[in-house]
């Protein structure tokens, strides 16, 4: 609501403001915003690094479990191989042949477990791979913001 003067409708009181800088923010606001942005960015990078590390540990743990299982199966295979050799010397074909077939099957299982474990270990993501990419993206973004 404005008060009008008697000489034709111009306002009797007029508010004079400092010249505005269209689209520009005060330096303090810009700096505070930049600092807050950097803090948030650092927190997000730390969270991403933690997630990547836990994923890599999980996948490598599964691969290590496969290697451990292969080791256990291989130990059984060695036991059955020894039993087969002893049975082959002591008795004729039926006993040792059966034990030898079991040994061969266990060795095949151990070989499959080793192959699965090796493939799992090779496909595990390396920690820090994604964080490096996001840091590079953030650096590009920051350079663009500064150059504006």
Protein backbone atom coordinates (compact mmCIF):
# COMPACT_ATOMS: atom_id res chain seq x y z
CA UNK A 1 0.00 0.00 0.00
CA UNK A 2 1.49 3.36 -0.94
CA UNK A 3 0.56 6.91 -0.13
CA UNK A 4 -0.06 9.04 -3.17
CA UNK A 5 0.78 12.70 -3.35
CA UNK A 6 -1.67 15.36 -4.45
CA UNK A 7 0.03 16.15 -7.73
CA UNK A 8 -0.89 13.20 -9.90
CA UNK A 9 -0.41 9.92 -8.21
CA UNK A 10 3.32 9.53 -7.65
CA UNK A 11 4.20 7.95 -4.33
CA UNK A 12 4.79 10.34 -1.49
CA UNK A 13 7.31 8.03 0.14
CA UNK A 14 9.76 6.14 -1.96
CA UNK A 15 12.15 3.43 -0.77
CA UNK A 16 15.61 3.84 -2.19
CA UNK A 17 17.73 0.71 -2.24
CA UNK A 18 21.34 0.10 -3.07
CA UNK A 19 22.00 -0.73 -6.68
CA UNK A 20 21.47 -4.47 -7.11
CA UNK A 21 23.97 -6.65 -8.83
CA UNK A 22 21.65 -8.77 -10.91
CA UNK A 23 22.47 -12.46 -10.53
CA UNK A 24 25.50 -11.96 -8.26
CA UNK A 25 25.73 -13.14 -4.69
CA UNK A 26 27.89 -11.64 -1.96
CA UNK A 27 31.38 -13.12 -1.65
CA UNK A 28 30.72 -14.44 1.86
CA UNK A 29 27.70 -16.38 0.64
CA UNK A 30 29.64 -17.80 -2.27
CA UNK A 31 32.52 -18.87 -0.02
CA UNK A 32 30.18 -20.43 2.56
CA UNK A 33 28.39 -22.30 -0.21
CA UNK A 34 31.69 -23.51 -1.66
CA UNK A 35 32.94 -24.70 1.74
CA UNK A 36 29.65 -26.51 2.42
CA UNK A 37 29.80 -28.08 -1.01
CA UNK A 38 33.36 -29.28 -0.44
CA UNK A 39 32.43 -30.75 2.94
CA UNK A 40 29.49 -32.60 1.43
CA UNK A 41 31.63 -33.77 -1.44
CA UNK A 42 34.33 -35.08 0.91
CA UNK A 43 31.72 -36.92 2.99
CA UNK A 44 30.20 -38.51 -0.11
CA UNK A 45 33.62 -39.58 -1.37
CA UNK A 46 34.36 -41.18 2.00
CA UNK A 47 31.04 -43.02 1.94
CA UNK A 48 31.75 -44.26 -1.59
CA UNK A 49 35.22 -45.45 -0.60
CA UNK A 50 33.74 -47.39 2.34
CA UNK A 51 31.12 -49.00 0.10
CA UNK A 52 33.72 -49.97 -2.50
CA UNK A 53 36.02 -51.45 0.12
CA UNK A 54 33.24 -53.51 1.69
CA UNK A 55 32.11 -54.79 -1.74
CA UNK A 56 35.66 -55.79 -2.66
CA UNK A 57 36.18 -57.54 0.68
CA UNK A 58 32.90 -59.41 0.26
CA UNK A 59 33.73 -60.67 -3.23
CA UNK A 60 37.28 -61.58 -2.26
CA UNK A 61 35.95 -63.37 0.81
CA UNK A 62 33.72 -65.53 -1.38
CA UNK A 63 36.67 -66.35 -3.62
CA UNK A 64 38.79 -67.22 -0.61
CA UNK A 65 36.01 -69.49 0.64
CA UNK A 66 36.08 -71.33 -2.68
CA UNK A 67 39.85 -71.79 -2.36
CA UNK A 68 39.40 -73.09 1.19
CA UNK A 69 36.73 -75.54 0.02
CA UNK A 70 39.03 -76.66 -2.78
CA UNK A 71 41.76 -77.26 -0.22
CA UNK A 72 39.48 -79.38 1.97
CA UNK A 73 38.28 -81.42 -1.00
CA UNK A 74 41.88 -81.87 -2.17
CA UNK A 75 42.83 -83.19 1.28
CA UNK A 76 40.04 -85.77 1.03
CA UNK A 77 41.27 -86.66 -2.45
CA UNK A 78 44.78 -87.26 -1.15
CA UNK A 79 43.35 -89.50 1.58
CA UNK A 80 41.32 -91.49 -0.90
CA UNK A 81 44.30 -91.74 -3.25
CA UNK A 82 46.37 -93.18 -0.46
CA UNK A 83 43.58 -95.60 0.43
CA UNK A 84 43.32 -96.62 -3.22
CA UNK A 85 47.03 -97.30 -3.47
CA UNK A 86 46.97 -99.41 -0.31
CA UNK A 87 43.85 -101.28 -1.41
CA UNK A 88 45.35 -101.85 -4.87
CA UNK A 89 48.35 -103.49 -3.41
CA UNK A 90 46.41 -105.57 -0.89
CA UNK A 91 43.45 -106.75 -2.87
CA UNK A 92 42.51 -107.24 -6.46
CA UNK A 93 40.48 -104.83 -8.62
CA UNK A 94 37.07 -104.14 -7.05
CA UNK A 95 38.03 -102.28 -3.86
CA UNK A 96 40.80 -100.08 -5.17
CA UNK A 97 38.97 -99.38 -8.42
CA UNK A 98 36.03 -98.02 -6.48
CA UNK A 99 38.25 -95.91 -4.27
CA UNK A 100 40.18 -94.64 -7.29
CA UNK A 101 36.95 -93.57 -9.00
CA UNK A 102 35.95 -91.62 -5.85
CA UNK A 103 39.38 -90.01 -5.80
CA UNK A 104 39.06 -88.93 -9.42
CA UNK A 105 35.64 -87.43 -8.77
CA UNK A 106 36.90 -85.52 -5.74
CA UNK A 107 39.83 -84.15 -7.74
CA UNK A 108 37.42 -82.97 -10.43
CA UNK A 109 35.34 -81.19 -7.79
CA UNK A 110 38.47 -79.57 -6.34
CA UNK A 111 39.51 -78.41 -9.83
CA UNK A 112 36.10 -76.87 -10.48
CA UNK A 113 36.20 -75.07 -7.13
CA UNK A 114 39.66 -73.68 -7.90
CA UNK A 115 38.46 -72.39 -11.28
CA UNK A 116 35.39 -70.75 -9.73
CA UNK A 117 37.47 -69.18 -6.95
CA UNK A 118 40.05 -67.86 -9.41
CA UNK A 119 37.37 -66.36 -11.65
CA UNK A 120 35.69 -64.74 -8.64
CA UNK A 121 38.97 -63.23 -7.48
CA UNK A 122 39.78 -61.87 -10.94
CA UNK A 123 36.37 -60.23 -11.40
CA UNK A 124 36.38 -58.52 -8.01
CA UNK A 125 36.36 -54.73 -8.34
CA UNK A 126 39.51 -52.99 -7.26
CA UNK A 127 38.98 -50.65 -4.33
CA UNK A 128 39.10 -47.00 -5.30
CA UNK A 129 38.27 -47.47 -8.99
CA UNK A 130 34.95 -45.65 -8.82
CA UNK A 131 36.21 -43.07 -6.34
CA UNK A 132 39.01 -42.05 -8.73
CA UNK A 133 36.48 -41.53 -11.51
CA UNK A 134 34.16 -39.45 -9.33
CA UNK A 135 37.06 -37.33 -8.08
CA UNK A 136 38.02 -36.63 -11.69
CA UNK A 137 34.41 -35.72 -12.51
CA UNK A 138 34.24 -33.44 -9.50
CA UNK A 139 37.47 -31.73 -10.49
CA UNK A 140 36.08 -31.10 -13.99
CA UNK A 141 32.86 -29.74 -12.51
CA UNK A 142 34.76 -27.45 -10.11
CA UNK A 143 36.90 -26.09 -12.98
CA UNK A 144 33.73 -25.35 -14.95
CA UNK A 145 32.16 -23.58 -11.97
CA UNK A 146 35.26 -21.46 -11.43
CA UNK A 147 35.53 -20.50 -15.09
CA UNK A 148 31.96 -19.14 -15.19
